[in-house]
Amino acid sequence: MRPSKEEYYLNIASQVAERATCLRRKFGAIIVKDDQIISTGYVGAPRGTINCCDLGQCPREAANIPPGERYELCRSVHAEANAIIHASRFDMLGATLYLACIDAKTGEFTPHTRPCKMCTRMIINAGIERVIVREKPGEYTEYLVADWIWENNNNLGESSGY
């Protein structure tokens, strides 16, 4: 059976995630517009710096920092950010970002994954229209970036996270 376009692009994002160098979670992202892959990115240390997988240690894990907290201590650039860095804004306007996350220890997909606060801001600024995240093979969640903007604008008195 032929996979849907969502599954096709999520499969590619999953393959991109295999290049990730994080010892906790392997993320892969691809940006697609008009059925053309614009850019790819995976989580890893900035060019020319040592990856956690080469060090054999994650500074956040060594400090027992839970997932989703204290990203400033992380050595890596996130997959979404890497994909955005490598694309022109013109090409990203109205595009879709596909995201896959694999637990580095178990090799299983990590359900209920969302871009972090900083990546969400970059996605908004890049002009990306949708984000589709793999839950597990055959299942995904679609987020409309316009909803994130609406939520942010309507939760100004609360900690919206953007």
N, C-alpha and C. Protein backbone atom coordinates (compact mmCIF):
# COMPACT_ATOMS: atom_id res chain seq x y z
N MET A 1 0.83 -1.18 0.00
CA MET A 1 0.00 0.00 0.00
C MET A 1 0.89 1.25 0.00
N ARG A 2 0.52 2.20 -0.80
CA ARG A 2 1.28 3.43 -0.94
C ARG A 2 1.07 4.33 0.29
N PRO A 3 2.17 4.82 0.91
CA PRO A 3 1.99 5.67 2.09
C PRO A 3 1.43 7.03 1.69
N SER A 4 0.69 7.64 2.62
CA SER A 4 0.21 9.00 2.41
C SER A 4 1.41 9.93 2.34
N LYS A 5 1.18 11.15 1.86
CA LYS A 5 2.28 12.11 1.82
C LYS A 5 2.80 12.41 3.22
N GLU A 6 1.89 12.47 4.19
CA GLU A 6 2.32 12.72 5.56
C GLU A 6 3.27 11.61 6.04
N GLU A 7 2.88 10.37 5.79
CA GLU A 7 3.73 9.24 6.19
C GLU A 7 5.05 9.24 5.44
N TYR A 8 5.00 9.56 4.16
CA TYR A 8 6.22 9.63 3.34
C TYR A 8 7.20 10.63 3.93
N TYR A 9 6.73 11.85 4.22
CA TYR A 9 7.62 12.88 4.75
C TYR A 9 8.03 12.58 6.20
N LEU A 10 7.14 12.00 6.98
CA LEU A 10 7.51 11.61 8.34
C LEU A 10 8.55 10.49 8.34
N ASN A 11 8.46 9.59 7.37
CA ASN A 11 9.48 8.54 7.23
C ASN A 11 10.84 9.16 6.93
N ILE A 12 10.85 10.17 6.09
CA ILE A 12 12.11 10.85 5.78
C ILE A 12 12.63 11.57 7.02
N ALA A 13 11.75 12.27 7.74
CA ALA A 13 12.16 12.95 8.98
C ALA A 13 12.72 11.94 9.98
N SER A 14 12.12 10.76 10.04
CA SER A 14 12.61 9.71 10.94
C SER A 14 14.01 9.26 10.53
N GLN A 15 14.25 9.16 9.25
CA GLN A 15 15.58 8.78 8.76
C GLN A 15 16.60 9.87 9.07
N VAL A 16 16.20 11.14 8.91
CA VAL A 16 17.07 12.27 9.24
C VAL A 16 17.43 12.21 10.73
N ALA A 17 16.47 11.83 11.57
CA ALA A 17 16.70 11.74 13.02
C ALA A 17 17.82 10.76 13.35
N GLU A 18 18.03 9.77 12.52
CA GLU A 18 19.08 8.78 12.77
C GLU A 18 20.47 9.41 12.76
N ARG A 19 20.62 10.60 12.15
CA ARG A 19 21.91 11.31 12.14
C ARG A 19 22.13 12.11 13.43
N ALA A 20 21.11 12.22 14.25
CA ALA A 20 21.19 13.03 15.47
C ALA A 20 22.30 12.54 16.39
N THR A 21 22.86 13.47 17.15
CA THR A 21 23.99 13.15 18.02
C THR A 21 23.65 13.24 19.50
N CYS A 22 22.39 13.52 19.82
CA CYS A 22 21.94 13.64 21.20
C CYS A 22 21.85 12.25 21.84
N LEU A 23 22.23 12.18 23.09
CA LEU A 23 22.17 10.91 23.82
C LEU A 23 20.81 10.66 24.46
N ARG A 24 19.92 11.66 24.43
CA ARG A 24 18.59 11.52 25.02
C ARG A 24 17.53 11.22 23.96
N ARG A 25 17.38 12.17 23.03
CA ARG A 25 16.34 12.02 22.02
C ARG A 25 16.89 12.46 20.66
N LYS A 26 16.58 11.66 19.66
CA LYS A 26 17.01 11.94 18.30
C LYS A 26 15.86 12.58 17.54
N PHE A 27 16.05 13.83 17.16
CA PHE A 27 15.03 14.55 16.40
C PHE A 27 15.49 14.71 14.96
N GLY A 28 14.53 14.59 14.05
CA GLY A 28 14.77 14.89 12.65
C GLY A 28 13.64 15.76 12.15
N ALA A 29 13.97 16.78 11.36
CA ALA A 29 12.97 17.69 10.82
C ALA A 29 13.21 17.89 9.34
N ILE A 30 12.12 18.00 8.60
CA ILE A 30 12.22 18.40 7.20
C ILE A 30 11.16 19.46 6.94
N ILE A 31 11.52 20.39 6.07
CA ILE A 31 10.59 21.44 5.67
C ILE A 31 10.21 21.17 4.23
N VAL A 32 8.90 21.15 3.98
CA VAL A 32 8.37 20.81 2.66
C VAL A 32 7.42 21.89 2.19
N LYS A 33 7.57 22.28 0.94
CA LYS A 33 6.64 23.24 0.33
C LYS A 33 6.36 22.79 -1.10
N ASP A 34 5.09 22.75 -1.45
CA ASP A 34 4.68 22.34 -2.80
C ASP A 34 5.29 21.00 -3.20
N ASP A 35 5.30 20.06 -2.25
CA ASP A 35 5.83 18.71 -2.47
C ASP A 35 7.31 18.68 -2.81
N GLN A 36 8.04 19.68 -2.38
CA GLN A 36 9.48 19.71 -2.54
C GLN A 36 10.13 19.87 -1.16
N ILE A 37 11.11 19.05 -0.88
CA ILE A 37 11.84 19.19 0.38
C ILE A 37 12.74 20.41 0.26
N ILE A 38 12.54 21.36 1.14
CA ILE A 38 13.29 22.61 1.15
C ILE A 38 14.56 22.46 1.97
N SER A 39 14.45 21.75 3.10
CA SER A 39 15.57 21.67 4.02
C SER A 39 15.36 20.51 4.98
N THR A 40 16.47 20.04 5.55
CA THR A 40 16.41 19.03 6.60
C THR A 40 17.28 19.48 7.76
N GLY A 41 17.03 18.91 8.92
CA GLY A 41 17.87 19.21 10.08
C GLY A 41 17.72 18.13 11.12
N TYR A 42 18.79 17.91 11.84
CA TYR A 42 18.74 16.97 12.97
C TYR A 42 19.42 17.63 14.16
N VAL A 43 19.16 17.10 15.34
CA VAL A 43 19.73 17.67 16.55
C VAL A 43 21.20 17.29 16.65
N GLY A 44 22.03 18.30 16.90
CA GLY A 44 23.46 18.05 17.02
C GLY A 44 24.19 19.32 17.42
N ALA A 45 25.42 19.15 17.88
CA ALA A 45 26.23 20.29 18.31
C ALA A 45 26.55 21.18 17.11
N PRO A 46 26.79 22.46 17.35
CA PRO A 46 27.15 23.37 16.26
C PRO A 46 28.38 22.86 15.52
N ARG A 47 28.47 23.21 14.24
CA ARG A 47 29.59 22.80 13.40
C ARG A 47 30.92 23.11 14.09
N GLY A 48 31.80 22.14 14.05
CA GLY A 48 33.13 22.33 14.61
C GLY A 48 33.24 22.09 16.10
N THR A 49 32.10 21.84 16.77
CA THR A 49 32.14 21.55 18.20
C THR A 49 31.85 20.07 18.41
N ILE A 50 32.19 19.58 19.57
CA ILE A 50 32.08 18.14 19.85
C ILE A 50 30.65 17.77 20.22
N ASN A 51 30.16 16.72 19.59
CA ASN A 51 28.82 16.20 19.86
C ASN A 51 28.80 15.40 21.16
N CYS A 52 27.65 15.37 21.81
CA CYS A 52 27.50 14.59 23.04
C CYS A 52 27.79 13.11 22.80
N CYS A 53 27.38 12.58 21.65
CA CYS A 53 27.63 11.16 21.39
C CYS A 53 29.13 10.88 21.30
N ASP A 54 29.93 11.87 20.89
CA ASP A 54 31.38 11.70 20.84
C ASP A 54 32.01 11.90 22.22
N LEU A 55 31.40 12.76 23.04
CA LEU A 55 31.87 12.96 24.41
C LEU A 55 31.48 11.79 25.31
N GLY A 56 30.36 11.13 24.93
CA GLY A 56 29.85 10.05 25.76
C GLY A 56 29.09 10.54 26.98
N GLN A 57 28.70 11.83 26.93
CA GLN A 57 28.00 12.40 28.08
C GLN A 57 27.10 13.55 27.63
N CYS A 58 25.93 13.63 28.26
CA CYS A 58 25.00 14.73 28.06
C CYS A 58 25.04 15.59 29.31
N PRO A 59 25.38 16.88 29.18
CA PRO A 59 25.46 17.71 30.38
C PRO A 59 24.13 17.85 31.12
N ARG A 60 23.02 17.85 30.40
CA ARG A 60 21.71 17.97 31.06
C ARG A 60 21.37 16.69 31.80
N GLU A 61 21.70 15.55 31.19
CA GLU A 61 21.43 14.27 31.84
C GLU A 61 22.32 14.11 33.08
N ALA A 62 23.58 14.51 32.97
CA ALA A 62 24.50 14.42 34.10
C ALA A 62 24.01 15.25 35.29
N ALA A 63 23.31 16.34 35.00
CA ALA A 63 22.77 17.20 36.06
C ALA A 63 21.34 16.82 36.45
N ASN A 64 20.83 15.70 35.93
CA ASN A 64 19.47 15.22 36.21
C ASN A 64 18.40 16.25 35.87
N ILE A 65 18.58 16.94 34.76
CA ILE A 65 17.60 17.93 34.31
C ILE A 65 16.54 17.22 33.49
N PRO A 66 15.26 17.37 33.84
CA PRO A 66 14.20 16.68 33.10
C PRO A 66 14.08 17.21 31.66
N PRO A 67 13.53 16.37 30.78
CA PRO A 67 13.29 16.83 29.40
C PRO A 67 12.42 18.09 29.41
N GLY A 68 12.75 19.01 28.50
CA GLY A 68 11.96 20.23 28.36
C GLY A 68 12.43 21.38 29.22
N GLU A 69 13.49 21.18 30.01
CA GLU A 69 13.97 22.24 30.90
C GLU A 69 15.44 22.53 30.65
N ARG A 70 15.81 23.77 30.92
CA ARG A 70 17.21 24.22 30.91
C ARG A 70 17.95 23.92 29.60
N TYR A 71 17.31 24.26 28.49
CA TYR A 71 17.93 24.02 27.19
C TYR A 71 19.23 24.79 27.00
N GLU A 72 19.42 25.87 27.76
CA GLU A 72 20.65 26.64 27.60
C GLU A 72 21.89 25.82 27.98
N LEU A 73 21.70 24.73 28.72
CA LEU A 73 22.81 23.86 29.09
C LEU A 73 23.09 22.78 28.04
N CYS A 74 22.23 22.67 27.07
CA CYS A 74 22.36 21.65 26.02
C CYS A 74 23.43 22.08 25.02
N ARG A 75 24.24 21.15 24.56
CA ARG A 75 25.28 21.42 23.57
C ARG A 75 24.72 21.51 22.16
N SER A 76 23.50 21.08 21.95
CA SER A 76 22.97 20.89 20.60
C SER A 76 22.14 22.06 20.07
N VAL A 77 22.07 22.10 18.75
CA VAL A 77 21.10 22.93 18.03
C VAL A 77 19.96 21.99 17.67
N HIS A 78 18.73 22.40 17.92
CA HIS A 78 17.58 21.53 17.67
C HIS A 78 17.36 21.29 16.18
N ALA A 79 16.72 20.19 15.87
CA ALA A 79 16.48 19.80 14.48
C ALA A 79 15.68 20.85 13.73
N GLU A 80 14.64 21.39 14.37
CA GLU A 80 13.81 22.40 13.72
C GLU A 80 14.65 23.64 13.40
N ALA A 81 15.49 24.05 14.35
CA ALA A 81 16.34 25.21 14.14
C ALA A 81 17.34 24.96 13.02
N ASN A 82 17.93 23.78 12.99
CA ASN A 82 18.87 23.46 11.91
C ASN A 82 18.19 23.48 10.55
N ALA A 83 16.98 22.94 10.47
CA ALA A 83 16.26 22.96 9.18
C ALA A 83 15.95 24.40 8.76
N ILE A 84 15.55 25.23 9.71
CA ILE A 84 15.22 26.63 9.41
C ILE A 84 16.48 27.40 8.99
N ILE A 85 17.58 27.17 9.67
CA ILE A 85 18.84 27.85 9.36
C ILE A 85 19.26 27.60 7.92
N HIS A 86 18.98 26.41 7.41
CA HIS A 86 19.45 26.01 6.09
C HIS A 86 18.47 26.31 4.96
N ALA A 87 17.44 27.08 5.23
CA ALA A 87 16.43 27.40 4.20
C ALA A 87 16.24 28.90 4.13
N SER A 88 15.77 29.37 2.98
CA SER A 88 15.45 30.79 2.87
C SER A 88 14.03 31.02 3.37
N ARG A 89 13.79 32.16 3.95
CA ARG A 89 12.45 32.47 4.46
C ARG A 89 11.42 32.42 3.34
N PHE A 90 11.79 32.91 2.18
CA PHE A 90 10.87 32.89 1.04
C PHE A 90 10.38 31.47 0.76
N ASP A 91 11.29 30.50 0.81
CA ASP A 91 10.91 29.11 0.56
C ASP A 91 10.07 28.52 1.68
N MET A 92 10.22 29.05 2.90
CA MET A 92 9.48 28.50 4.04
C MET A 92 8.08 29.07 4.20
N LEU A 93 7.79 30.20 3.58
CA LEU A 93 6.46 30.81 3.72
C LEU A 93 5.39 29.84 3.25
N GLY A 94 4.50 29.46 4.16
CA GLY A 94 3.42 28.54 3.84
C GLY A 94 3.82 27.07 3.81
N ALA A 95 5.04 26.76 4.23
CA ALA A 95 5.55 25.39 4.18
C ALA A 95 5.05 24.58 5.38
N THR A 96 5.35 23.29 5.34
CA THR A 96 5.05 22.37 6.44
C THR A 96 6.36 21.82 6.97
N LEU A 97 6.48 21.78 8.29
CA LEU A 97 7.63 21.16 8.94
C LEU A 97 7.19 19.81 9.49
N TYR A 98 7.89 18.76 9.10
CA TYR A 98 7.63 17.41 9.61
C TYR A 98 8.69 17.09 10.64
N LEU A 99 8.26 16.55 11.79
CA LEU A 99 9.16 16.32 12.91
C LEU A 99 8.99 14.91 13.44
N ALA A 100 10.12 14.23 13.64
CA ALA A 100 10.11 12.90 14.24
C ALA A 100 11.08 12.89 15.40
N CYS A 101 10.70 12.23 16.49
CA CYS A 101 11.54 12.13 17.68
C CYS A 101 11.64 10.67 18.09
N ILE A 102 12.87 10.22 18.27
CA ILE A 102 13.14 8.83 18.65
C ILE A 102 13.91 8.85 19.97
N ASP A 103 13.47 8.05 20.93
CA ASP A 103 14.19 7.93 22.19
C ASP A 103 15.53 7.26 21.89
N ALA A 104 16.63 7.91 22.25
CA ALA A 104 17.96 7.40 21.90
C ALA A 104 18.28 6.08 22.61
N LYS A 105 17.67 5.84 23.74
CA LYS A 105 17.96 4.61 24.48
C LYS A 105 17.13 3.42 24.02
N THR A 106 15.85 3.67 23.72
CA THR A 106 14.96 2.56 23.36
C THR A 106 14.78 2.39 21.85
N GLY A 107 15.04 3.45 21.08
CA GLY A 107 14.82 3.40 19.64
C GLY A 107 13.35 3.56 19.26
N GLU A 108 12.50 3.81 20.24
CA GLU A 108 11.07 3.98 19.98
C GLU A 108 10.73 5.45 19.72
N PHE A 109 9.67 5.66 18.94
CA PHE A 109 9.21 7.03 18.73
C PHE A 109 8.69 7.59 20.04
N THR A 110 8.90 8.88 20.24
CA THR A 110 8.47 9.56 21.45
C THR A 110 7.15 10.26 21.17
N PRO A 111 6.04 9.75 21.71
CA PRO A 111 4.74 10.38 21.44
C PRO A 111 4.58 11.70 22.17
N HIS A 112 3.63 12.49 21.69
CA HIS A 112 3.26 13.77 22.31
C HIS A 112 4.41 14.79 22.30
N THR A 113 5.25 14.70 21.29
CA THR A 113 6.37 15.63 21.15
C THR A 113 5.87 16.91 20.50
N ARG A 114 6.40 18.02 20.96
CA ARG A 114 6.13 19.34 20.36
C ARG A 114 7.44 20.10 20.31
N PRO A 115 7.55 21.04 19.38
CA PRO A 115 8.74 21.88 19.38
C PRO A 115 8.84 22.65 20.70
N CYS A 116 10.08 22.89 21.14
CA CYS A 116 10.29 23.67 22.36
C CYS A 116 9.86 25.12 22.11
N LYS A 117 9.89 25.91 23.15
CA LYS A 117 9.45 27.31 23.06
C LYS A 117 10.28 28.10 22.05
N MET A 118 11.60 27.94 22.09
CA MET A 118 12.45 28.67 21.15
C MET A 118 12.20 28.23 19.72
N CYS A 119 12.09 26.92 19.48
CA CYS A 119 11.83 26.44 18.12
C CYS A 119 10.45 26.88 17.64
N THR A 120 9.47 26.93 18.54
CA THR A 120 8.14 27.42 18.18
C THR A 120 8.23 28.86 17.68
N ARG A 121 9.00 29.67 18.38
CA ARG A 121 9.18 31.06 17.95
C ARG A 121 9.84 31.14 16.57
N MET A 122 10.84 30.31 16.35
CA MET A 122 11.52 30.30 15.05
C MET A 122 10.59 29.83 13.93
N ILE A 123 9.78 28.82 14.23
CA ILE A 123 8.81 28.31 13.25
C ILE A 123 7.83 29.42 12.87
N ILE A 124 7.34 30.13 13.86
CA ILE A 124 6.42 31.25 13.60
C ILE A 124 7.11 32.29 12.74
N ASN A 125 8.31 32.70 13.11
CA ASN A 125 9.02 33.75 12.37
C ASN A 125 9.41 33.31 10.97
N ALA A 126 9.64 32.03 10.77
CA ALA A 126 10.02 31.52 9.45
C ALA A 126 8.87 31.56 8.46
N GLY A 127 7.62 31.66 8.96
CA GLY A 127 6.46 31.67 8.07
C GLY A 127 5.94 30.29 7.75
N ILE A 128 6.39 29.29 8.52
CA ILE A 128 5.90 27.93 8.33
C ILE A 128 4.44 27.88 8.75
N GLU A 129 3.64 27.15 8.00
CA GLU A 129 2.18 27.13 8.21
C GLU A 129 1.71 25.99 9.11
N ARG A 130 2.31 24.81 8.95
CA ARG A 130 1.88 23.64 9.71
C ARG A 130 3.09 22.88 10.23
N VAL A 131 2.89 22.18 11.34
CA VAL A 131 3.90 21.27 11.87
C VAL A 131 3.21 19.93 12.07
N ILE A 132 3.79 18.90 11.50
CA ILE A 132 3.23 17.56 11.63
C ILE A 132 4.27 16.71 12.36
N VAL A 133 3.83 16.12 13.49
CA VAL A 133 4.74 15.39 14.37
C VAL A 133 4.34 13.93 14.41
N ARG A 134 5.31 13.06 14.21
CA ARG A 134 5.07 11.61 14.28
C ARG A 134 4.81 11.20 15.72
N GLU A 135 3.71 10.49 15.93
CA GLU A 135 3.43 9.88 17.24
C GLU A 135 4.02 8.47 17.26
N LYS A 136 3.69 7.71 16.23
CA LYS A 136 4.24 6.39 15.98
C LYS A 136 3.92 6.09 14.51
N PRO A 137 4.51 5.06 13.93
CA PRO A 137 4.19 4.79 12.53
C PRO A 137 2.68 4.69 12.31
N GLY A 138 2.21 5.45 11.34
CA GLY A 138 0.79 5.46 11.03
C GLY A 138 -0.02 6.49 11.80
N GLU A 139 0.59 7.14 12.77
CA GLU A 139 -0.12 8.14 13.56
C GLU A 139 0.72 9.41 13.69
N TYR A 140 0.05 10.54 13.55
CA TYR A 140 0.74 11.83 13.69
C TYR A 140 -0.24 12.87 14.20
N THR A 141 0.33 13.96 14.69
CA THR A 141 -0.46 15.10 15.14
C THR A 141 -0.09 16.29 14.27
N GLU A 142 -1.11 17.03 13.84
CA GLU A 142 -0.89 18.22 13.03
C GLU A 142 -1.19 19.46 13.86
N TYR A 143 -0.26 20.40 13.84
CA TYR A 143 -0.44 21.67 14.51
C TYR A 143 -0.47 22.77 13.46
N LEU A 144 -1.43 23.68 13.61
CA LEU A 144 -1.47 24.85 12.74
C LEU A 144 -0.75 25.99 13.46
N VAL A 145 0.25 26.55 12.82
CA VAL A 145 1.04 27.60 13.44
C VAL A 145 0.16 28.81 13.77
N ALA A 146 -0.84 29.06 12.95
CA ALA A 146 -1.77 30.17 13.23
C ALA A 146 -2.45 29.98 14.59
N ASP A 147 -2.71 28.74 15.00
CA ASP A 147 -3.29 28.48 16.32
C ASP A 147 -2.31 28.86 17.43
N TRP A 148 -1.02 28.58 17.22
CA TRP A 148 -0.01 28.96 18.22
C TRP A 148 0.05 30.47 18.36
N ILE A 149 -0.04 31.17 17.24
CA ILE A 149 -0.02 32.64 17.27
C ILE A 149 -1.26 33.15 18.00
N TRP A 150 -2.43 32.59 17.69
CA TRP A 150 -3.67 33.00 18.34
C TRP A 150 -3.58 32.76 19.84
N GLU A 151 -3.11 31.55 20.23
CA GLU A 151 -2.98 31.24 21.66
C GLU A 151 -2.05 32.24 22.35
N ASN A 152 -0.95 32.55 21.72
CA ASN A 152 0.00 33.50 22.30
C ASN A 152 -0.64 34.88 22.47
N ASN A 153 -1.33 35.34 21.46
CA ASN A 153 -1.94 36.67 21.50
C ASN A 153 -3.10 36.76 22.47
N ASN A 154 -3.73 35.64 22.78
CA ASN A 154 -4.88 35.65 23.67
C ASN A 154 -4.55 35.20 25.09
N ASN A 155 -3.29 34.92 25.34
CA ASN A 155 -2.86 34.53 26.68
C ASN A 155 -1.75 35.46 27.16
N LEU A 156 -1.85 36.74 26.84
CA LEU A 156 -0.80 37.68 27.16
C LEU A 156 -0.55 37.81 28.65
N GLY A 157 -1.58 37.66 29.47
CA GLY A 157 -1.42 37.77 30.92
C GLY A 157 -0.93 36.49 31.55
N GLU A 158 -0.91 35.40 30.78
CA GLU A 158 -0.48 34.11 31.31
C GLU A 158 0.87 33.76 30.72
N SER A 159 1.47 32.75 31.24
CA SER A 159 2.74 32.28 30.68
C SER A 159 2.44 31.36 29.51
N SER A 160 2.36 31.94 28.31
CA SER A 160 2.01 31.15 27.13
C SER A 160 3.19 30.36 26.60
N GLY A 161 4.38 30.75 26.99
CA GLY A 161 5.55 29.99 26.58
C GLY A 161 6.17 30.43 25.28
N TYR A 162 5.59 31.38 24.59
CA TYR A 162 6.18 31.77 23.31
C TYR A 162 7.07 32.93 23.55
